[in-house]
Amino acid sequence: ARIRVALRRMGLSVISGAVTTIGAAVFLLGCVITFFDTFGKFMCVTLVAALVHALIVFPALCACVGSEATASAGPANAHHSSVRRHPGIAAVAAWWPGWGARGQGGGWTEMSTTV
């Protein structure tokens, strides 16, 4: 459910960015100069691979490994439940400014309101 919400909210932006960049790279494919032709091919292959990983592989990985909070719990609760489950994230949360534990300031809620 959380992955569907995330893809609905951000999927179109990710696809739009990839399509416009691939559209710019397509014009390089017809160049006579080898460097530009090769660079255009490289950009197209890289962007297609990035799009597949961003829309298929990464959401599937998040579904398998991510936190167990529900979509209605919001990003602050999801963050704190993942901190409790993963000791490596807890270490980063203790070190990284703005990732304070619940009740100590920081965290996703405070970060999103200051931007």
Foldseek 3Di string as FASTA:
>chain_A
DQLVVVCVVCVVVLVVVLVVQLVVLVVQCPDPDPVSNVVSVVSNVVSVVVSCCVNPVVSVVCVVPAFDDDVVVDPQVSLQRRCVVDVVSVVCLVVPPQSDHPPPGRTDVNVVVVD
